[in-house]
Amino acid sequence: NYIEFRFSDINSVKPEMLAEAIKNASSILISAGAGLGVDSGLPDFRGAEGFWRAFPAYRELGINFTQMANPKRFREDPEGSWGFYGHRQNMYRETNPHQGYQILKSWTKNKDFFIYTSNVDGHFQKAGFDPNRIVECHGTLSHQQCVDCCGVGIFRASEFPIDVDVSTFRAERPLPSCPECGGLARPNLL
Protein backbone atom coordinates (compact mmCIF):
# COMPACT_ATOMS: atom_id res chain seq x y z
CA ASN A 1 0.00 0.00 0.00
CA TYR A 2 1.09 3.54 -0.72
CA ILE A 3 0.54 6.33 1.79
CA GLU A 4 1.92 9.83 1.30
CA PHE A 5 2.49 12.27 4.13
CA ARG A 6 3.95 15.71 3.68
CA PHE A 7 5.38 17.74 6.53
CA SER A 8 3.10 20.56 5.41
CA ASP A 9 0.14 18.23 6.16
CA ILE A 10 1.46 17.19 9.56
CA ASN A 11 -1.00 19.35 11.52
CA SER A 12 -4.01 17.80 9.80
CA VAL A 13 -2.85 14.20 10.28
CA LYS A 14 -3.48 12.48 13.57
CA PRO A 15 -0.12 11.55 15.13
CA GLU A 16 -1.32 8.01 15.85
CA MET A 17 -2.18 7.53 12.16
CA LEU A 18 1.24 8.77 11.06
CA ALA A 19 3.06 6.64 13.64
CA GLU A 20 1.11 3.54 12.61
CA ALA A 21 1.81 4.12 8.91
CA ILE A 22 5.54 4.53 9.55
CA LYS A 23 5.66 1.52 11.87
CA ASN A 24 3.95 -0.72 9.30
CA ALA A 25 5.80 0.57 6.25
CA SER A 26 8.19 -1.82 4.57
CA SER A 27 9.91 1.03 2.76
CA ILE A 28 10.09 4.80 3.06
CA LEU A 29 10.94 7.47 0.50
CA ILE A 30 12.06 10.76 1.99
CA SER A 31 12.01 13.77 -0.31
CA ALA A 32 13.50 16.93 1.12
CA GLY A 33 14.21 20.48 0.05
CA ALA A 34 15.30 23.82 1.44
CA GLY A 35 12.89 23.79 4.37
CA LEU A 36 14.86 21.03 6.04
CA GLY A 37 18.07 23.09 5.94
CA VAL A 38 16.32 26.25 7.15
CA ASP A 39 15.47 24.47 10.40
CA SER A 40 19.23 23.98 10.92
CA GLY A 41 19.73 27.73 10.48
CA LEU A 42 20.80 27.68 6.83
CA PRO A 43 19.51 30.40 4.50
CA ASP A 44 16.81 29.71 1.93
CA PHE A 45 17.67 31.26 -1.43
CA ARG A 46 14.12 31.29 -2.82
CA GLY A 47 13.65 34.51 -4.69
CA ALA A 48 16.05 37.41 -5.02
CA GLU A 49 15.22 38.76 -1.57
CA GLY A 50 16.24 35.53 0.17
CA PHE A 51 19.51 35.47 -1.73
CA TRP A 52 20.26 39.11 -0.99
CA ARG A 53 19.44 38.68 2.72
CA ALA A 54 22.05 35.90 2.87
CA PHE A 55 24.57 37.75 0.66
CA PRO A 56 24.04 41.53 0.95
CA ALA A 57 27.28 42.34 -0.91
CA TYR A 58 25.75 40.97 -4.12
CA ARG A 59 22.79 43.36 -3.91
CA GLU A 60 25.24 46.26 -4.03
CA LEU A 61 26.90 44.70 -7.08
CA GLY A 62 23.52 44.07 -8.76
CA ILE A 63 24.17 40.32 -9.03
CA ASN A 64 21.34 37.84 -8.47
CA PHE A 65 21.38 34.15 -7.58
CA THR A 66 20.98 32.93 -11.18
CA GLN A 67 23.93 35.01 -12.34
CA MET A 68 26.09 33.96 -9.39
CA ALA A 69 25.26 30.26 -9.78
CA ASN A 70 26.13 30.18 -13.49
CA PRO A 71 29.22 27.96 -14.03
CA LYS A 72 30.69 30.42 -16.58
CA ARG A 73 31.31 32.85 -13.70
CA PHE A 74 34.19 30.62 -12.56
CA ARG A 75 36.08 31.65 -15.71
CA GLU A 76 34.99 35.30 -15.50
CA ASP A 77 35.48 35.86 -11.75
CA PRO A 78 36.98 32.87 -9.93
CA GLU A 79 37.47 34.73 -6.62
CA GLY A 80 33.87 35.99 -6.67
CA SER A 81 32.49 32.58 -7.58
CA TRP A 82 34.49 30.80 -4.91
CA GLY A 83 33.56 33.55 -2.45
CA PHE A 84 29.91 32.66 -2.98
CA TYR A 85 30.33 28.88 -3.00
CA GLY A 86 33.16 28.81 -0.46
CA HIS A 87 31.10 30.77 2.05
CA ARG A 88 28.19 28.36 1.58
CA GLN A 89 30.47 25.32 1.79
CA ASN A 90 32.07 26.59 5.00
CA MET A 91 28.66 27.46 6.49
CA TYR A 92 27.17 24.04 5.65
CA ARG A 93 30.16 22.25 7.17
CA GLU A 94 30.00 24.33 10.38
CA THR A 95 26.24 23.84 10.83
CA ASN A 96 24.96 20.67 12.45
CA PRO A 97 21.82 18.94 11.18
CA HIS A 98 18.87 19.60 13.48
CA GLN A 99 17.06 16.89 15.51
CA GLY A 100 14.59 16.26 12.66
CA TYR A 101 17.26 14.28 10.84
CA GLN A 102 17.53 11.89 13.79
CA ILE A 103 13.75 11.53 13.84
CA LEU A 104 13.80 10.62 10.14
CA LYS A 105 16.66 8.23 10.84
CA SER A 106 14.64 6.50 13.57
CA TRP A 107 11.73 6.11 11.13
CA THR A 108 13.98 4.34 8.62
CA LYS A 109 15.63 1.97 11.09
CA ASN A 110 15.29 -1.65 9.88
CA LYS A 111 13.40 -0.48 6.78
CA ASP A 112 14.22 -0.19 3.14
CA PHE A 113 14.50 3.56 2.51
CA PHE A 114 15.69 6.06 -0.02
CA ILE A 115 16.30 9.82 0.16
CA TYR A 116 15.80 12.21 -2.75
CA THR A 117 16.86 15.77 -1.95
CA SER A 118 17.47 19.06 -3.68
CA ASN A 119 19.66 20.16 -0.78
CA VAL A 120 23.38 20.54 -1.51
CA ASP A 121 24.50 20.81 2.13
CA GLY A 122 25.44 17.16 2.79
CA HIS A 123 23.45 17.12 6.04
CA PHE A 124 21.84 13.73 5.42
CA GLN A 125 25.33 12.21 5.25
CA LYS A 126 26.47 14.26 8.24
CA ALA A 127 23.47 12.93 10.19
CA GLY A 128 24.64 9.38 9.49
CA PHE A 129 22.41 8.27 6.61
CA ASP A 130 23.96 5.79 4.17
CA PRO A 131 25.32 7.88 1.24
CA ASN A 132 24.38 5.05 -1.14
CA ARG A 133 20.71 5.67 -0.32
CA ILE A 134 20.80 9.41 -1.11
CA VAL A 135 20.31 11.16 -4.44
CA GLU A 136 21.18 14.86 -4.43
CA CYS A 137 19.41 15.99 -7.59
CA HIS A 138 21.20 19.37 -7.72
CA GLY A 139 24.61 17.95 -6.82
CA THR A 140 26.53 18.72 -3.67
CA LEU A 141 29.14 21.10 -2.32
CA SER A 142 30.97 17.99 -1.05
CA HIS A 143 32.21 17.21 -4.56
CA GLN A 144 33.91 19.22 -7.28
CA GLN A 145 34.73 19.03 -10.97
CA CYS A 146 37.31 20.62 -13.26
CA VAL A 147 36.26 23.93 -14.85
CA ASP A 148 38.26 22.94 -17.96
CA CYS A 149 36.64 19.47 -18.13
CA CYS A 150 40.03 17.74 -18.37
CA GLY A 151 38.39 14.33 -17.95
CA VAL A 152 39.11 13.75 -14.26
CA GLY A 153 35.38 13.47 -13.50
CA ILE A 154 33.86 14.29 -10.14
CA PHE A 155 36.14 14.35 -7.10
CA ARG A 156 35.77 14.90 -3.37
CA ALA A 157 36.09 18.52 -2.22
CA SER A 158 38.98 19.36 0.06
CA GLU A 159 38.14 19.31 3.76
CA PHE A 160 39.94 22.62 4.23
CA PRO A 161 37.80 25.75 4.58
CA ILE A 162 37.95 28.34 1.85
CA ASP A 163 39.09 31.74 3.10
CA VAL A 164 36.37 34.27 2.23
CA ASP A 165 36.24 37.98 2.97
CA VAL A 166 32.61 38.21 4.16
CA SER A 167 32.42 41.95 3.53
CA THR A 168 33.00 41.43 -0.20
CA PHE A 169 32.27 37.68 -0.51
CA ARG A 170 35.50 37.20 -2.46
CA ALA A 171 37.66 34.15 -1.85
CA GLU A 172 41.33 34.36 -1.06
CA ARG A 173 43.82 32.35 -3.12
CA PRO A 174 44.68 29.53 -3.35
CA LEU A 175 41.36 28.46 -4.84
CA PRO A 176 40.28 24.81 -5.13
CA SER A 177 42.05 23.08 -8.00
CA CYS A 178 41.66 19.98 -10.12
CA PRO A 179 43.80 17.08 -8.84
CA GLU A 180 44.46 15.95 -12.43
CA CYS A 181 45.42 19.07 -14.40
CA GLY A 182 45.86 21.66 -11.62
CA GLY A 183 43.29 23.99 -13.22
CA LEU A 184 40.46 25.68 -11.38
CA ALA A 185 37.82 23.44 -9.79
CA ARG A 186 34.18 24.27 -9.18
CA PRO A 187 31.44 22.64 -7.10
CA ASN A 188 29.62 19.72 -8.70
CA LEU A 189 26.28 21.53 -8.76
CA LEU A 190 23.67 22.40 -11.35
C-alpha atoms as a PDB file:
ATOM      1  CA  ASN A   1       0.000   0.000   0.000  1.00  0.00           C
ATOM      2  CA  TYR A   2       1.092   3.539  -0.719  1.00  0.00           C
ATOM      3  CA  ILE A   3       0.542   6.327   1.788  1.00  0.00           C
ATOM      4  CA  GLU A   4       1.918   9.828   1.303  1.00  0.00           C
ATOM      5  CA  PHE A   5       2.486  12.268   4.131  1.00  0.00           C
ATOM      6  CA  ARG A   6       3.953  15.706   3.682  1.00  0.00           C
ATOM      7  CA  PHE A   7       5.379  17.737   6.527  1.00  0.00           C
ATOM      8  CA  SER A   8       3.102  20.560   5.414  1.00  0.00           C
ATOM      9  CA  ASP A   9       0.143  18.232   6.162  1.00  0.00           C
ATOM     10  CA  ILE A  10       1.464  17.189   9.556  1.00  0.00           C
ATOM     11  CA  ASN A  11      -1.003  19.353  11.524  1.00  0.00           C
ATOM     12  CA  SER A  12      -4.007  17.798   9.799  1.00  0.00           C
ATOM     13  CA  VAL A  13      -2.851  14.198  10.284  1.00  0.00           C
ATOM     14  CA  LYS A  14      -3.478  12.478  13.570  1.00  0.00           C
ATOM     15  CA  PRO A  15      -0.123  11.553  15.134  1.00  0.00           C
ATOM     16  CA  GLU A  16      -1.320   8.005  15.847  1.00  0.00           C
ATOM     17  CA  MET A  17      -2.178   7.526  12.162  1.00  0.00           C
ATOM     18  CA  LEU A  18       1.238   8.770  11.056  1.00  0.00           C
ATOM     19  CA  ALA A  19       3.059   6.644  13.641  1.00  0.00           C
ATOM     20  CA  GLU A  20       1.113   3.542  12.606  1.00  0.00           C
ATOM     21  CA  ALA A  21       1.807   4.120   8.905  1.00  0.00           C
ATOM     22  CA  ILE A  22       5.537   4.531   9.550  1.00  0.00           C
ATOM     23  CA  LYS A  23       5.656   1.518  11.873  1.00  0.00           C
ATOM     24  CA  ASN A  24       3.955  -0.719   9.304  1.00  0.00           C
ATOM     25  CA  ALA A  25       5.805   0.572   6.246  1.00  0.00           C
ATOM     26  CA  SER A  26       8.187  -1.821   4.568  1.00  0.00           C
ATOM     27  CA  SER A  27       9.908   1.027   2.761  1.00  0.00           C
ATOM     28  CA  ILE A  28      10.091   4.797   3.059  1.00  0.00           C
ATOM     29  CA  LEU A  29      10.938   7.466   0.496  1.00  0.00           C
ATOM     30  CA  ILE A  30      12.061  10.763   1.989  1.00  0.00           C
ATOM     31  CA  SER A  31      12.014  13.772  -0.309  1.00  0.00           C
ATOM     32  CA  ALA A  32      13.497  16.929   1.122  1.00  0.00           C
ATOM     33  CA  GLY A  33      14.211  20.476   0.052  1.00  0.00           C
ATOM     34  CA  ALA A  34      15.297  23.825   1.441  1.00  0.00           C
ATOM     35  CA  GLY A  35      12.894  23.793   4.374  1.00  0.00           C
ATOM     36  CA  LEU A  36      14.857  21.029   6.036  1.00  0.00           C
ATOM     37  CA  GLY A  37      18.066  23.086   5.942  1.00  0.00           C
ATOM     38  CA  VAL A  38      16.319  26.245   7.148  1.00  0.00           C
ATOM     39  CA  ASP A  39      15.471  24.465  10.402  1.00  0.00           C
ATOM     40  CA  SER A  40      19.230  23.978  10.915  1.00  0.00           C
ATOM     41  CA  GLY A  41      19.730  27.728  10.481  1.00  0.00           C
ATOM     42  CA  LEU A  42      20.804  27.684   6.826  1.00  0.00           C
ATOM     43  CA  PRO A  43      19.513  30.404   4.500  1.00  0.00           C
ATOM     44  CA  ASP A  44      16.812  29.710   1.928  1.00  0.00           C
ATOM     45  CA  PHE A  45      17.667  31.257  -1.432  1.00  0.00           C
ATOM     46  CA  ARG A  46      14.120  31.290  -2.816  1.00  0.00           C
ATOM     47  CA  GLY A  47      13.649  34.507  -4.692  1.00  0.00           C
ATOM     48  CA  ALA A  48      16.052  37.409  -5.022  1.00  0.00           C
ATOM     49  CA  GLU A  49      15.219  38.762  -1.569  1.00  0.00           C
ATOM     50  CA  GLY A  50      16.240  35.529   0.165  1.00  0.00           C
ATOM     51  CA  PHE A  51      19.512  35.472  -1.734  1.00  0.00           C
ATOM     52  CA  TRP A  52      20.258  39.113  -0.991  1.00  0.00           C
ATOM     53  CA  ARG A  53      19.444  38.676   2.721  1.00  0.00           C
ATOM     54  CA  ALA A  54      22.050  35.901   2.869  1.00  0.00           C
ATOM     55  CA  PHE A  55      24.570  37.747   0.662  1.00  0.00           C
ATOM     56  CA  PRO A  56      24.038  41.532   0.946  1.00  0.00           C
ATOM     57  CA  ALA A  57      27.276  42.342  -0.908  1.00  0.00           C
ATOM     58  CA  TYR A  58      25.750  40.969  -4.119  1.00  0.00           C
ATOM     59  CA  ARG A  59      22.793  43.358  -3.913  1.00  0.00           C
ATOM     60  CA  GLU A  60      25.240  46.256  -4.030  1.00  0.00           C
ATOM     61  CA  LEU A  61      26.900  44.695  -7.083  1.00  0.00           C
ATOM     62  CA  GLY A  62      23.517  44.069  -8.756  1.00  0.00           C
ATOM     63  CA  ILE A  63      24.171  40.318  -9.027  1.00  0.00           C
ATOM     64  CA  ASN A  64      21.340  37.838  -8.475  1.00  0.00           C
ATOM     65  CA  PHE A  65      21.383  34.146  -7.583  1.00  0.00           C
ATOM     66  CA  THR A  66      20.977  32.930 -11.177  1.00  0.00           C
ATOM     67  CA  GLN A  67      23.928  35.009 -12.342  1.00  0.00           C
ATOM     68  CA  MET A  68      26.086  33.957  -9.389  1.00  0.00           C
ATOM     69  CA  ALA A  69      25.260  30.262  -9.776  1.00  0.00           C
ATOM     70  CA  ASN A  70      26.131  30.179 -13.486  1.00  0.00           C
ATOM     71  CA  PRO A  71      29.224  27.957 -14.033  1.00  0.00           C
ATOM     72  CA  LYS A  72      30.688  30.416 -16.584  1.00  0.00           C
ATOM     73  CA  ARG A  73      31.306  32.851 -13.702  1.00  0.00           C
ATOM     74  CA  PHE A  74      34.186  30.624 -12.558  1.00  0.00           C
ATOM     75  CA  ARG A  75      36.081  31.645 -15.705  1.00  0.00           C
ATOM     76  CA  GLU A  76      34.991  35.304 -15.499  1.00  0.00           C
ATOM     77  CA  ASP A  77      35.475  35.859 -11.752  1.00  0.00           C
ATOM     78  CA  PRO A  78      36.978  32.865  -9.929  1.00  0.00           C
ATOM     79  CA  GLU A  79      37.466  34.728  -6.622  1.00  0.00           C
ATOM     80  CA  GLY A  80      33.868  35.989  -6.674  1.00  0.00           C
ATOM     81  CA  SER A  81      32.485  32.580  -7.581  1.00  0.00           C
ATOM     82  CA  TRP A  82      34.490  30.803  -4.911  1.00  0.00           C
ATOM     83  CA  GLY A  83      33.563  33.546  -2.454  1.00  0.00           C
ATOM     84  CA  PHE A  84      29.907  32.664  -2.984  1.00  0.00           C
ATOM     85  CA  TYR A  85      30.328  28.884  -3.002  1.00  0.00           C
ATOM     86  CA  GLY A  86      33.155  28.811  -0.459  1.00  0.00           C
ATOM     87  CA  HIS A  87      31.102  30.773   2.054  1.00  0.00           C
ATOM     88  CA  ARG A  88      28.190  28.361   1.579  1.00  0.00           C
ATOM     89  CA  GLN A  89      30.470  25.319   1.793  1.00  0.00           C
ATOM     90  CA  ASN A  90      32.066  26.590   5.002  1.00  0.00           C
ATOM     91  CA  MET A  91      28.660  27.456   6.495  1.00  0.00           C
ATOM     92  CA  TYR A  92      27.171  24.037   5.650  1.00  0.00           C
ATOM     93  CA  ARG A  93      30.159  22.251   7.168  1.00  0.00           C
ATOM     94  CA  GLU A  94      30.000  24.326  10.377  1.00  0.00           C
ATOM     95  CA  THR A  95      26.236  23.835  10.828  1.00  0.00           C
ATOM     96  CA  ASN A  96      24.958  20.673  12.452  1.00  0.00           C
ATOM     97  CA  PRO A  97      21.823  18.939  11.184  1.00  0.00           C
ATOM     98  CA  HIS A  98      18.866  19.599  13.483  1.00  0.00           C
ATOM     99  CA  GLN A  99      17.055  16.894  15.506  1.00  0.00           C
ATOM    100  CA  GLY A 100      14.588  16.255  12.661  1.00  0.00           C
ATOM    101  CA  TYR A 101      17.264  14.276  10.835  1.00  0.00           C
ATOM    102  CA  GLN A 102      17.527  11.890  13.788  1.00  0.00           C
ATOM    103  CA  ILE A 103      13.749  11.533  13.842  1.00  0.00           C
ATOM    104  CA  LEU A 104      13.802  10.617  10.140  1.00  0.00           C
ATOM    105  CA  LYS A 105      16.663   8.225  10.838  1.00  0.00           C
ATOM    106  CA  SER A 106      14.645   6.503  13.573  1.00  0.00           C
ATOM    107  CA  TRP A 107      11.730   6.106  11.132  1.00  0.00           C
ATOM    108  CA  THR A 108      13.985   4.341   8.617  1.00  0.00           C
ATOM    109  CA  LYS A 109      15.633   1.966  11.087  1.00  0.00           C
ATOM    110  CA  ASN A 110      15.289  -1.647   9.875  1.00  0.00           C
ATOM    111  CA  LYS A 111      13.400  -0.484   6.781  1.00  0.00           C
ATOM    112  CA  ASP A 112      14.224  -0.186   3.143  1.00  0.00           C
ATOM    113  CA  PHE A 113      14.496   3.560   2.506  1.00  0.00           C
ATOM    114  CA  PHE A 114      15.690   6.058  -0.024  1.00  0.00           C
ATOM    115  CA  ILE A 115      16.298   9.819   0.155  1.00  0.00           C
ATOM    116  CA  TYR A 116      15.801  12.212  -2.746  1.00  0.00           C
ATOM    117  CA  THR A 117      16.861  15.771  -1.948  1.00  0.00           C
ATOM    118  CA  SER A 118      17.468  19.065  -3.681  1.00  0.00           C
ATOM    119  CA  ASN A 119      19.665  20.160  -0.777  1.00  0.00           C
ATOM    120  CA  VAL A 120      23.382  20.540  -1.513  1.00  0.00           C
ATOM    121  CA  ASP A 121      24.499  20.809   2.127  1.00  0.00           C
ATOM    122  CA  GLY A 122      25.437  17.160   2.794  1.00  0.00           C
ATOM    123  CA  HIS A 123      23.449  17.119   6.040  1.00  0.00           C
ATOM    124  CA  PHE A 124      21.839  13.732   5.425  1.00  0.00           C
ATOM    125  CA  GLN A 125      25.335  12.205   5.250  1.00  0.00           C
ATOM    126  CA  LYS A 126      26.465  14.262   8.237  1.00  0.00           C
ATOM    127  CA  ALA A 127      23.469  12.929  10.190  1.00  0.00           C
ATOM    128  CA  GLY A 128      24.638   9.378   9.492  1.00  0.00           C
ATOM    129  CA  PHE A 129      22.413   8.266   6.612  1.00  0.00           C
ATOM    130  CA  ASP A 130      23.960   5.793   4.165  1.00  0.00           C
ATOM    131  CA  PRO A 131      25.319   7.881   1.235  1.00  0.00           C
ATOM    132  CA  ASN A 132      24.382   5.051  -1.140  1.00  0.00           C
ATOM    133  CA  ARG A 133      20.708   5.669  -0.324  1.00  0.00           C
ATOM    134  CA  ILE A 134      20.800   9.406  -1.107  1.00  0.00           C
ATOM    135  CA  VAL A 135      20.314  11.165  -4.437  1.00  0.00           C
ATOM    136  CA  GLU A 136      21.180  14.861  -4.426  1.00  0.00           C
ATOM    137  CA  CYS A 137      19.412  15.989  -7.587  1.00  0.00           C
ATOM    138  CA  HIS A 138      21.197  19.372  -7.718  1.00  0.00           C
ATOM    139  CA  GLY A 139      24.605  17.952  -6.820  1.00  0.00           C
ATOM    140  CA  THR A 140      26.531  18.720  -3.669  1.00  0.00           C
ATOM    141  CA  LEU A 141      29.138  21.096  -2.323  1.00  0.00           C
ATOM    142  CA  SER A 142      30.969  17.994  -1.048  1.00  0.00           C
ATOM    143  CA  HIS A 143      32.214  17.207  -4.563  1.00  0.00           C
ATOM    144  CA  GLN A 144      33.905  19.221  -7.278  1.00  0.00           C
ATOM    145  CA  GLN A 145      34.730  19.031 -10.968  1.00  0.00           C
ATOM    146  CA  CYS A 146      37.306  20.623 -13.255  1.00  0.00           C
ATOM    147  CA  VAL A 147      36.259  23.929 -14.849  1.00  0.00           C
ATOM    148  CA  ASP A 148      38.261  22.939 -17.957  1.00  0.00           C
ATOM    149  CA  CYS A 149      36.639  19.466 -18.132  1.00  0.00           C
ATOM    150  CA  CYS A 150      40.035  17.735 -18.367  1.00  0.00           C
ATOM    151  CA  GLY A 151      38.395  14.331 -17.950  1.00  0.00           C
ATOM    152  CA  VAL A 152      39.106  13.752 -14.264  1.00  0.00           C
ATOM    153  CA  GLY A 153      35.380  13.468 -13.498  1.00  0.00           C
ATOM    154  CA  ILE A 154      33.865  14.292 -10.141  1.00  0.00           C
ATOM    155  CA  PHE A 155      36.144  14.349  -7.099  1.00  0.00           C
ATOM    156  CA  ARG A 156      35.767  14.903  -3.369  1.00  0.00           C
ATOM    157  CA  ALA A 157      36.091  18.518  -2.219  1.00  0.00           C
ATOM    158  CA  SER A 158      38.979  19.363   0.060  1.00  0.00           C
ATOM    159  CA  GLU A 159      38.144  19.308   3.755  1.00  0.00           C
ATOM    160  CA  PHE A 160      39.939  22.623   4.233  1.00  0.00           C
ATOM    161  CA  PRO A 161      37.800  25.753   4.584  1.00  0.00           C
ATOM    162  CA  ILE A 162      37.950  28.342   1.847  1.00  0.00           C
ATOM    163  CA  ASP A 163      39.087  31.744   3.099  1.00  0.00           C
ATOM    164  CA  VAL A 164      36.373  34.270   2.228  1.00  0.00           C
ATOM    165  CA  ASP A 165      36.243  37.983   2.969  1.00  0.00           C
ATOM    166  CA  VAL A 166      32.612  38.206   4.159  1.00  0.00           C
ATOM    167  CA  SER A 167      32.421  41.950   3.528  1.00  0.00           C
ATOM    168  CA  THR A 168      33.002  41.432  -0.205  1.00  0.00           C
ATOM    169  CA  PHE A 169      32.272  37.684  -0.508  1.00  0.00           C
ATOM    170  CA  ARG A 170      35.496  37.203  -2.458  1.00  0.00           C
ATOM    171  CA  ALA A 171      37.656  34.146  -1.847  1.00  0.00           C
ATOM    172  CA  GLU A 172      41.332  34.365  -1.062  1.00  0.00           C
ATOM    173  CA  ARG A 173      43.816  32.351  -3.123  1.00  0.00           C
ATOM    174  CA  PRO A 174      44.679  29.535  -3.350  1.00  0.00           C
ATOM    175  CA  LEU A 175      41.356  28.458  -4.844  1.00  0.00           C
ATOM    176  CA  PRO A 176      40.277  24.815  -5.132  1.00  0.00           C
ATOM    177  CA  SER A 177      42.049  23.085  -7.997  1.00  0.00           C
ATOM    178  CA  CYS A 178      41.661  19.976 -10.119  1.00  0.00           C
ATOM    179  CA  PRO A 179      43.795  17.076  -8.845  1.00  0.00           C
ATOM    180  CA  GLU A 180      44.465  15.945 -12.432  1.00  0.00           C
ATOM    181  CA  CYS A 181      45.419  19.075 -14.404  1.00  0.00           C
ATOM    182  CA  GLY A 182      45.863  21.659 -11.622  1.00  0.00           C
ATOM    183  CA  GLY A 183      43.294  23.987 -13.217  1.00  0.00           C
ATOM    184  CA  LEU A 184      40.459  25.680 -11.378  1.00  0.00           C
ATOM    185  CA  ALA A 185      37.822  23.437  -9.790  1.00  0.00           C
ATOM    186  CA  ARG A 186      34.183  24.269  -9.180  1.00  0.00           C
ATOM    187  CA  PRO A 187      31.439  22.635  -7.103  1.00  0.00           C
ATOM    188  CA  ASN A 188      29.620  19.720  -8.704  1.00  0.00           C
ATOM    189  CA  LEU A 189      26.281  21.531  -8.759  1.00  0.00           C
ATOM    190  CA  LEU A 190      23.673  22.396 -11.346  1.00  0.00           C
END
